[in-house]
Every structure is written in C-alpha cells, then in structure tokens.
N, C-alpha and C. Protein backbone atom coordinates (compact mmCIF):
# COMPACT_ATOMS: atom_id res chain seq x y z
N MET A 1 -32.95 -23.07 19.88
CA MET A 1 -31.97 -22.15 19.21
C MET A 1 -30.81 -23.10 18.85
N HIS A 2 -30.30 -22.91 17.66
CA HIS A 2 -29.08 -23.61 17.24
C HIS A 2 -28.21 -22.72 16.37
N ARG A 3 -26.98 -23.08 16.04
CA ARG A 3 -25.97 -22.21 15.23
C ARG A 3 -25.57 -22.92 14.16
N SER A 4 -25.23 -22.24 13.14
CA SER A 4 -24.50 -22.85 11.95
C SER A 4 -23.58 -21.91 11.20
N ARG A 5 -22.74 -22.39 10.30
CA ARG A 5 -21.89 -21.52 9.45
C ARG A 5 -21.24 -22.41 8.40
N LEU A 6 -20.82 -21.71 7.35
CA LEU A 6 -20.06 -22.34 6.28
C LEU A 6 -18.69 -22.69 6.91
N MET A 7 -18.48 -24.04 6.88
CA MET A 7 -17.26 -24.49 7.43
C MET A 7 -16.17 -24.84 6.44
N SER A 8 -16.47 -25.31 5.19
CA SER A 8 -15.47 -25.70 4.21
C SER A 8 -16.13 -25.72 2.95
N ILE A 9 -15.25 -25.57 1.88
CA ILE A 9 -15.60 -25.70 0.49
C ILE A 9 -14.74 -26.88 -0.02
N LEU A 10 -15.47 -27.87 -0.55
CA LEU A 10 -14.78 -29.13 -1.03
C LEU A 10 -14.76 -29.12 -2.47
N ILE A 11 -13.58 -29.34 -3.00
CA ILE A 11 -13.39 -29.46 -4.50
C ILE A 11 -13.23 -30.90 -4.67
N ASP A 12 -14.17 -31.56 -5.38
CA ASP A 12 -14.12 -32.96 -5.74
C ASP A 12 -13.32 -33.16 -6.94
N CYS A 13 -12.26 -33.97 -6.88
CA CYS A 13 -11.31 -34.30 -7.95
C CYS A 13 -11.15 -35.75 -8.28
N ALA A 14 -11.24 -36.12 -9.53
CA ALA A 14 -10.99 -37.41 -9.98
C ALA A 14 -9.65 -37.82 -9.53
N GLU A 15 -9.42 -39.26 -9.43
CA GLU A 15 -8.01 -39.62 -9.04
C GLU A 15 -7.07 -39.27 -10.01
N GLU A 16 -7.23 -39.26 -11.38
CA GLU A 16 -6.31 -38.89 -12.32
C GLU A 16 -5.87 -37.40 -12.28
N ASP A 17 -6.78 -36.58 -11.78
CA ASP A 17 -6.59 -35.11 -11.65
C ASP A 17 -6.25 -34.58 -10.32
N PHE A 18 -6.19 -35.49 -9.27
CA PHE A 18 -6.13 -35.07 -7.95
C PHE A 18 -4.78 -34.28 -7.64
N ASP A 19 -3.73 -34.88 -7.84
CA ASP A 19 -2.37 -34.29 -7.58
C ASP A 19 -2.25 -32.92 -8.31
N ARG A 20 -2.64 -32.92 -9.57
CA ARG A 20 -2.51 -31.56 -10.19
C ARG A 20 -3.59 -30.48 -9.60
N GLY A 21 -4.78 -31.11 -9.15
CA GLY A 21 -5.81 -30.12 -8.46
C GLY A 21 -5.18 -29.58 -7.17
N VAL A 22 -4.58 -30.33 -6.50
CA VAL A 22 -3.87 -29.91 -5.19
C VAL A 22 -2.78 -28.81 -5.52
N GLU A 23 -1.97 -29.07 -6.47
CA GLU A 23 -0.98 -28.18 -6.87
C GLU A 23 -1.66 -26.90 -7.35
N PHE A 24 -2.64 -26.91 -8.16
CA PHE A 24 -3.23 -25.80 -8.73
C PHE A 24 -3.95 -25.02 -7.56
N TRP A 25 -4.77 -25.61 -6.85
CA TRP A 25 -5.52 -24.84 -5.79
C TRP A 25 -4.61 -24.22 -4.63
N SER A 26 -3.52 -24.93 -4.36
CA SER A 26 -2.50 -24.47 -3.45
C SER A 26 -2.00 -23.32 -3.99
N GLY A 27 -1.50 -23.30 -5.20
CA GLY A 27 -0.89 -22.17 -5.88
C GLY A 27 -1.88 -20.88 -6.06
N ALA A 28 -3.04 -21.22 -6.48
CA ALA A 28 -4.07 -20.23 -6.69
C ALA A 28 -4.48 -19.45 -5.53
N LEU A 29 -4.48 -20.13 -4.37
CA LEU A 29 -4.91 -19.56 -3.08
C LEU A 29 -3.71 -19.04 -2.32
N GLY A 30 -2.47 -19.42 -2.70
CA GLY A 30 -1.23 -19.00 -2.01
C GLY A 30 -1.07 -19.53 -0.70
N LYS A 31 -1.53 -20.83 -0.51
CA LYS A 31 -1.51 -21.52 0.72
C LYS A 31 -0.89 -22.93 0.52
N ALA A 32 -0.17 -23.37 1.60
CA ALA A 32 0.38 -24.80 1.56
C ALA A 32 -0.69 -25.93 1.68
N ALA A 33 -0.52 -26.98 1.01
CA ALA A 33 -1.47 -28.06 1.13
C ALA A 33 -0.82 -29.06 2.30
N MET A 34 -1.99 -29.53 3.18
CA MET A 34 -1.61 -30.53 4.06
C MET A 34 -1.96 -31.89 3.43
N VAL A 35 -0.99 -32.51 2.99
CA VAL A 35 -1.06 -33.80 2.17
C VAL A 35 -1.00 -34.96 3.13
N GLU A 36 -1.99 -35.79 3.06
CA GLU A 36 -2.03 -37.10 3.79
C GLU A 36 -1.71 -38.14 2.72
N GLN A 37 -0.60 -38.87 2.85
CA GLN A 37 -0.30 -39.89 1.78
C GLN A 37 -1.49 -40.88 1.56
N GLY A 38 -1.88 -40.91 0.32
CA GLY A 38 -2.86 -41.93 -0.10
C GLY A 38 -4.29 -41.53 0.59
N GLY A 39 -4.35 -40.44 1.34
CA GLY A 39 -5.68 -40.03 1.99
C GLY A 39 -6.71 -39.59 0.85
N ARG A 40 -7.98 -39.65 1.31
CA ARG A 40 -9.05 -39.14 0.39
C ARG A 40 -9.08 -37.58 0.41
N TYR A 41 -8.57 -36.87 1.47
CA TYR A 41 -8.71 -35.51 1.57
C TYR A 41 -7.42 -34.92 1.65
N VAL A 42 -7.27 -33.61 1.11
CA VAL A 42 -6.11 -32.76 1.28
C VAL A 42 -6.64 -31.47 1.61
N ALA A 43 -6.28 -30.90 2.72
CA ALA A 43 -6.64 -29.60 3.15
C ALA A 43 -5.71 -28.50 2.64
N ILE A 44 -6.11 -27.30 2.13
CA ILE A 44 -5.19 -26.26 1.75
C ILE A 44 -5.18 -25.54 3.06
N ARG A 45 -4.02 -25.29 3.66
CA ARG A 45 -3.79 -24.70 5.00
C ARG A 45 -4.31 -23.06 4.97
N GLY A 46 -4.80 -22.84 6.01
CA GLY A 46 -5.43 -21.47 6.22
C GLY A 46 -6.72 -21.34 5.77
N ARG A 47 -7.50 -20.40 6.25
CA ARG A 47 -8.89 -20.21 5.84
C ARG A 47 -9.04 -19.13 4.85
N VAL A 48 -9.86 -19.28 3.82
CA VAL A 48 -10.20 -18.31 2.94
C VAL A 48 -10.91 -17.25 3.48
N GLY A 49 -10.47 -15.92 3.28
CA GLY A 49 -11.16 -14.79 3.99
C GLY A 49 -10.72 -14.54 5.31
N GLY A 50 -9.65 -15.25 5.85
CA GLY A 50 -9.08 -14.93 7.02
C GLY A 50 -9.74 -15.80 8.23
N ASP A 51 -9.55 -15.27 9.48
CA ASP A 51 -10.05 -15.91 10.66
C ASP A 51 -11.51 -16.05 10.58
N GLY A 52 -12.02 -17.33 10.89
CA GLY A 52 -13.45 -17.65 10.77
C GLY A 52 -13.95 -18.01 9.45
N GLY A 53 -13.12 -17.82 8.41
CA GLY A 53 -13.59 -18.17 7.06
C GLY A 53 -13.49 -19.69 6.83
N PRO A 54 -13.99 -20.19 5.70
CA PRO A 54 -14.15 -21.57 5.55
C PRO A 54 -12.78 -22.13 5.09
N PHE A 55 -12.49 -23.35 5.16
CA PHE A 55 -11.32 -24.26 4.74
C PHE A 55 -11.71 -24.56 3.40
N VAL A 56 -10.57 -24.82 2.51
CA VAL A 56 -10.74 -25.41 1.15
C VAL A 56 -10.12 -26.74 1.31
N VAL A 57 -10.87 -27.75 0.91
CA VAL A 57 -10.31 -29.17 1.01
C VAL A 57 -10.63 -29.90 -0.38
N LEU A 58 -9.63 -30.53 -0.85
CA LEU A 58 -9.75 -31.38 -2.15
C LEU A 58 -10.13 -32.73 -1.67
N GLN A 59 -11.09 -33.32 -2.29
CA GLN A 59 -11.61 -34.79 -2.01
C GLN A 59 -11.46 -35.68 -3.25
N ARG A 60 -10.93 -36.94 -3.01
CA ARG A 60 -11.00 -37.86 -4.14
C ARG A 60 -12.25 -38.34 -4.36
N VAL A 61 -12.75 -38.36 -5.50
CA VAL A 61 -14.04 -39.01 -6.02
C VAL A 61 -13.99 -39.70 -7.32
N PRO A 62 -14.88 -40.48 -7.64
CA PRO A 62 -14.96 -41.04 -9.08
C PRO A 62 -15.16 -39.79 -10.00
N ALA A 63 -14.56 -39.96 -11.13
CA ALA A 63 -14.71 -38.95 -12.28
C ALA A 63 -16.08 -38.32 -12.37
N GLU A 64 -17.06 -39.21 -12.45
CA GLU A 64 -18.39 -38.79 -12.77
C GLU A 64 -19.05 -37.84 -11.64
N GLU A 65 -18.41 -37.84 -10.49
CA GLU A 65 -18.86 -37.08 -9.36
C GLU A 65 -18.15 -35.77 -9.01
N ARG A 66 -17.24 -35.41 -9.97
CA ARG A 66 -16.47 -34.09 -9.76
C ARG A 66 -17.54 -32.98 -9.57
N ALA A 67 -17.35 -32.19 -8.56
CA ALA A 67 -18.19 -31.00 -8.31
C ALA A 67 -17.42 -30.14 -7.32
N ILE A 68 -18.04 -29.06 -6.98
CA ILE A 68 -17.60 -28.27 -5.77
C ILE A 68 -18.76 -28.28 -4.87
N HIS A 69 -18.59 -28.67 -3.56
CA HIS A 69 -19.74 -28.55 -2.60
C HIS A 69 -19.30 -27.92 -1.34
N LEU A 70 -20.34 -27.51 -0.56
CA LEU A 70 -20.15 -26.90 0.65
C LEU A 70 -20.41 -27.77 1.90
N ASP A 71 -19.79 -27.39 3.10
CA ASP A 71 -20.04 -28.20 4.26
C ASP A 71 -20.70 -27.08 5.25
N ILE A 72 -21.81 -27.25 5.75
CA ILE A 72 -22.32 -26.33 6.74
C ILE A 72 -22.16 -26.92 8.03
N GLU A 73 -21.40 -26.36 9.02
CA GLU A 73 -21.23 -26.90 10.33
C GLU A 73 -22.29 -26.41 11.28
N SER A 74 -22.81 -27.26 12.07
CA SER A 74 -23.84 -26.86 13.15
C SER A 74 -23.64 -27.53 14.43
N ASP A 75 -24.06 -26.84 15.44
CA ASP A 75 -24.08 -27.49 16.85
C ASP A 75 -25.25 -28.35 17.07
N ASP A 76 -26.29 -28.39 16.09
CA ASP A 76 -27.38 -29.28 16.13
C ASP A 76 -27.79 -29.61 14.78
N VAL A 77 -27.22 -30.68 14.29
CA VAL A 77 -27.33 -31.10 12.88
C VAL A 77 -28.82 -31.34 12.50
N GLU A 78 -29.57 -31.99 13.38
CA GLU A 78 -30.94 -32.24 13.01
C GLU A 78 -31.74 -30.95 12.96
N ALA A 79 -31.57 -30.03 13.81
CA ALA A 79 -32.27 -28.71 13.65
C ALA A 79 -31.92 -27.88 12.38
N GLU A 80 -30.51 -27.99 12.03
CA GLU A 80 -30.11 -27.35 10.85
C GLU A 80 -30.73 -27.98 9.66
N VAL A 81 -30.78 -29.44 9.66
CA VAL A 81 -31.35 -30.13 8.51
C VAL A 81 -32.85 -29.66 8.38
N SER A 82 -33.61 -29.50 9.50
CA SER A 82 -34.92 -29.13 9.50
C SER A 82 -35.14 -27.69 8.92
N ARG A 83 -34.33 -26.75 9.31
CA ARG A 83 -34.36 -25.41 8.85
C ARG A 83 -34.09 -25.32 7.40
N LEU A 84 -33.11 -26.13 6.90
CA LEU A 84 -32.77 -26.14 5.50
C LEU A 84 -33.91 -26.73 4.63
N GLU A 85 -34.58 -27.84 5.18
CA GLU A 85 -35.68 -28.45 4.37
C GLU A 85 -36.82 -27.38 4.26
N LYS A 86 -37.04 -26.64 5.31
CA LYS A 86 -38.05 -25.58 5.21
C LYS A 86 -37.75 -24.67 4.16
N LEU A 87 -36.48 -24.38 3.85
CA LEU A 87 -35.97 -23.57 2.77
C LEU A 87 -36.13 -24.11 1.38
N GLY A 88 -36.41 -25.47 1.40
CA GLY A 88 -36.55 -26.11 0.09
C GLY A 88 -35.52 -27.21 -0.14
N ALA A 89 -34.55 -27.45 0.72
CA ALA A 89 -33.52 -28.48 0.55
C ALA A 89 -34.24 -29.82 0.69
N THR A 90 -33.56 -30.75 0.18
CA THR A 90 -34.01 -32.26 0.26
C THR A 90 -32.91 -33.16 0.81
N LEU A 91 -33.25 -34.08 1.52
CA LEU A 91 -32.26 -35.05 2.07
C LEU A 91 -31.94 -35.99 0.98
N LYS A 92 -30.67 -36.21 0.85
CA LYS A 92 -30.06 -37.07 -0.17
C LYS A 92 -29.50 -38.38 0.52
N ALA A 93 -28.81 -38.26 1.53
CA ALA A 93 -28.19 -39.38 2.24
C ALA A 93 -27.76 -39.08 3.66
N ARG A 94 -27.61 -40.02 4.41
CA ARG A 94 -26.98 -39.91 5.78
C ARG A 94 -25.78 -40.80 5.84
N ILE A 95 -24.61 -40.16 6.08
CA ILE A 95 -23.39 -40.89 6.06
C ILE A 95 -22.67 -40.64 7.55
N GLY A 96 -22.90 -41.56 8.38
CA GLY A 96 -22.39 -41.37 9.79
C GLY A 96 -23.21 -40.24 10.39
N ARG A 97 -22.45 -39.25 10.81
CA ARG A 97 -22.96 -38.04 11.57
C ARG A 97 -23.20 -36.92 10.45
N HIS A 98 -22.84 -37.07 9.17
CA HIS A 98 -23.07 -36.20 8.11
C HIS A 98 -24.31 -36.37 7.38
N VAL A 99 -24.93 -35.26 7.06
CA VAL A 99 -26.16 -35.47 6.25
C VAL A 99 -25.96 -34.68 4.89
N VAL A 100 -26.22 -35.44 3.82
CA VAL A 100 -25.92 -34.95 2.54
C VAL A 100 -27.25 -34.45 2.09
N MET A 101 -27.28 -33.12 1.55
CA MET A 101 -28.75 -32.53 1.19
C MET A 101 -28.53 -32.07 -0.23
N ARG A 102 -29.53 -31.86 -0.87
CA ARG A 102 -29.66 -31.15 -2.20
C ARG A 102 -30.38 -29.91 -2.15
N ALA A 103 -29.74 -28.78 -2.59
CA ALA A 103 -30.41 -27.43 -2.67
C ALA A 103 -31.52 -27.49 -3.75
N PRO A 104 -32.49 -26.63 -3.76
CA PRO A 104 -33.49 -26.52 -4.68
C PRO A 104 -32.82 -26.29 -6.14
N SER A 105 -31.60 -25.73 -6.26
CA SER A 105 -30.92 -25.50 -7.41
C SER A 105 -30.24 -26.74 -7.95
N GLY A 106 -30.28 -27.87 -7.08
CA GLY A 106 -29.75 -29.17 -7.56
C GLY A 106 -28.40 -29.45 -6.91
N HIS A 107 -27.74 -28.49 -6.35
CA HIS A 107 -26.37 -28.62 -5.82
C HIS A 107 -26.43 -29.33 -4.58
N ALA A 108 -25.39 -30.30 -4.44
CA ALA A 108 -25.43 -31.16 -3.12
C ALA A 108 -24.49 -30.41 -2.17
N PHE A 109 -24.82 -30.60 -1.02
CA PHE A 109 -24.06 -29.95 0.12
C PHE A 109 -24.18 -30.87 1.30
N CYS A 110 -23.33 -30.62 2.45
CA CYS A 110 -23.24 -31.47 3.63
C CYS A 110 -23.67 -30.68 4.90
N VAL A 111 -24.36 -31.16 5.81
CA VAL A 111 -24.45 -30.63 7.13
C VAL A 111 -23.70 -31.50 8.10
N VAL A 112 -22.75 -31.00 8.72
CA VAL A 112 -21.71 -31.71 9.51
C VAL A 112 -21.80 -31.14 11.03
N PRO A 113 -21.44 -32.08 11.85
CA PRO A 113 -21.41 -31.66 13.40
C PRO A 113 -20.31 -30.60 13.54
N GLN A 114 -20.48 -29.74 14.53
CA GLN A 114 -19.56 -28.69 14.90
C GLN A 114 -18.20 -29.48 15.22
N SER A 115 -17.10 -28.94 14.63
CA SER A 115 -15.89 -29.37 14.94
C SER A 115 -14.66 -28.32 15.13
N ARG A 116 -14.88 -27.10 14.56
CA ARG A 116 -13.89 -26.10 14.65
C ARG A 116 -13.99 -25.41 15.97
N THR A 117 -12.87 -25.05 16.46
CA THR A 117 -12.72 -24.40 17.85
C THR A 117 -13.14 -22.92 17.80
N ASP A 118 -13.25 -22.32 16.65
CA ASP A 118 -13.64 -20.92 16.53
C ASP A 118 -15.20 -20.75 16.16
N PHE A 119 -15.83 -21.91 16.20
CA PHE A 119 -17.23 -21.96 15.75
C PHE A 119 -18.15 -20.89 16.39
N GLU A 120 -18.19 -20.87 17.79
CA GLU A 120 -19.15 -19.93 18.43
C GLU A 120 -19.05 -18.53 18.02
N GLY A 121 -17.86 -17.93 17.82
CA GLY A 121 -17.66 -16.58 17.46
C GLY A 121 -18.10 -16.17 16.01
N HIS A 122 -18.34 -17.15 15.19
CA HIS A 122 -18.54 -16.96 13.70
C HIS A 122 -19.71 -17.47 13.21
N ALA A 123 -20.57 -18.17 14.05
CA ALA A 123 -21.81 -18.87 13.56
C ALA A 123 -23.00 -18.02 13.57
N ALA A 124 -23.97 -18.12 12.64
CA ALA A 124 -25.22 -17.42 12.76
C ALA A 124 -26.14 -18.22 13.74
N VAL A 125 -27.02 -17.54 14.40
CA VAL A 125 -27.83 -18.12 15.44
C VAL A 125 -29.22 -18.19 14.83
N TRP A 126 -29.99 -19.31 15.02
CA TRP A 126 -31.20 -19.51 14.35
C TRP A 126 -32.11 -19.99 15.59
N GLN A 127 -33.34 -19.27 15.57
CA GLN A 127 -34.41 -19.60 16.52
C GLN A 127 -35.22 -20.89 15.98
N ASP A 128 -35.20 -21.95 16.75
CA ASP A 128 -35.89 -23.15 16.34
C ASP A 128 -37.37 -22.91 16.62
N ASP A 129 -38.20 -23.55 15.68
CA ASP A 129 -39.63 -23.59 15.88
C ASP A 129 -40.04 -24.44 17.06
N ALA A 130 -41.01 -23.93 17.75
CA ALA A 130 -41.49 -24.59 19.10
C ALA A 130 -42.35 -25.71 18.63
C-alpha cells in the first residue's frame, strides 16, 4: 500500500517572462508570491482550493521548455511510478529523488517524495500488487 496526491502545479516560464509571470499569477490567484532572489522557483502563497489543495509554483526554464506540469507527491515514489506506468505513463528521467514521467497524452509530470505535513489526510491510498 502507498499513498499519493497532487502536490503542486508548476508554471514553467522563460527568463525574459519570469517576473511578469510571477506578477500575473500572483494577481490572478489573489495570493502573494514568495520570491527568492535569483532563485529558480517562486511559490504563490497559499493552496489552490484551500487546505490540502496544490501549491502553484513558477519555475525558470529555457524558453523552448515553457509548459505547465504537475507534481504528484508520494510516500513511495517507486510504487507510484510503477502504478502510473501500468496506466500508460513512461519514464523520461530521474533527477535526484524526483522522477520525470510522460503521460500517454504527451504531457510531462513529476513524481516526488512526500514533503508536505498535511499529506496523510489528503492523499489517495493505493493497494500495491503483490
């Protein structure tokens, strides 16, 4: 048995659009931005949909990689990767403890280790194959 849930929605922004992207998404969602000077990521404070909902994070990327992708948080990354592969996802890359996958629709997403303190109360429970 393992658990997982949608942890965050990442909006990938090119360097030249990054500050404007932070300003826009902060205003659009009505939430303050947690800006790290020169950092690769900026989190929009508060969760979308309230307690237990995903975070919105802007990420600096090369212009050709702009997209929106999801992070799925799991207490067992390998079991979650296996479950998602059975649904048709494919492995794209392993970056440290994060696994980058591609959905059958072609969209990239990440499976990441559990990190949020409210994980248990909001995660789906999956029965692993024996």
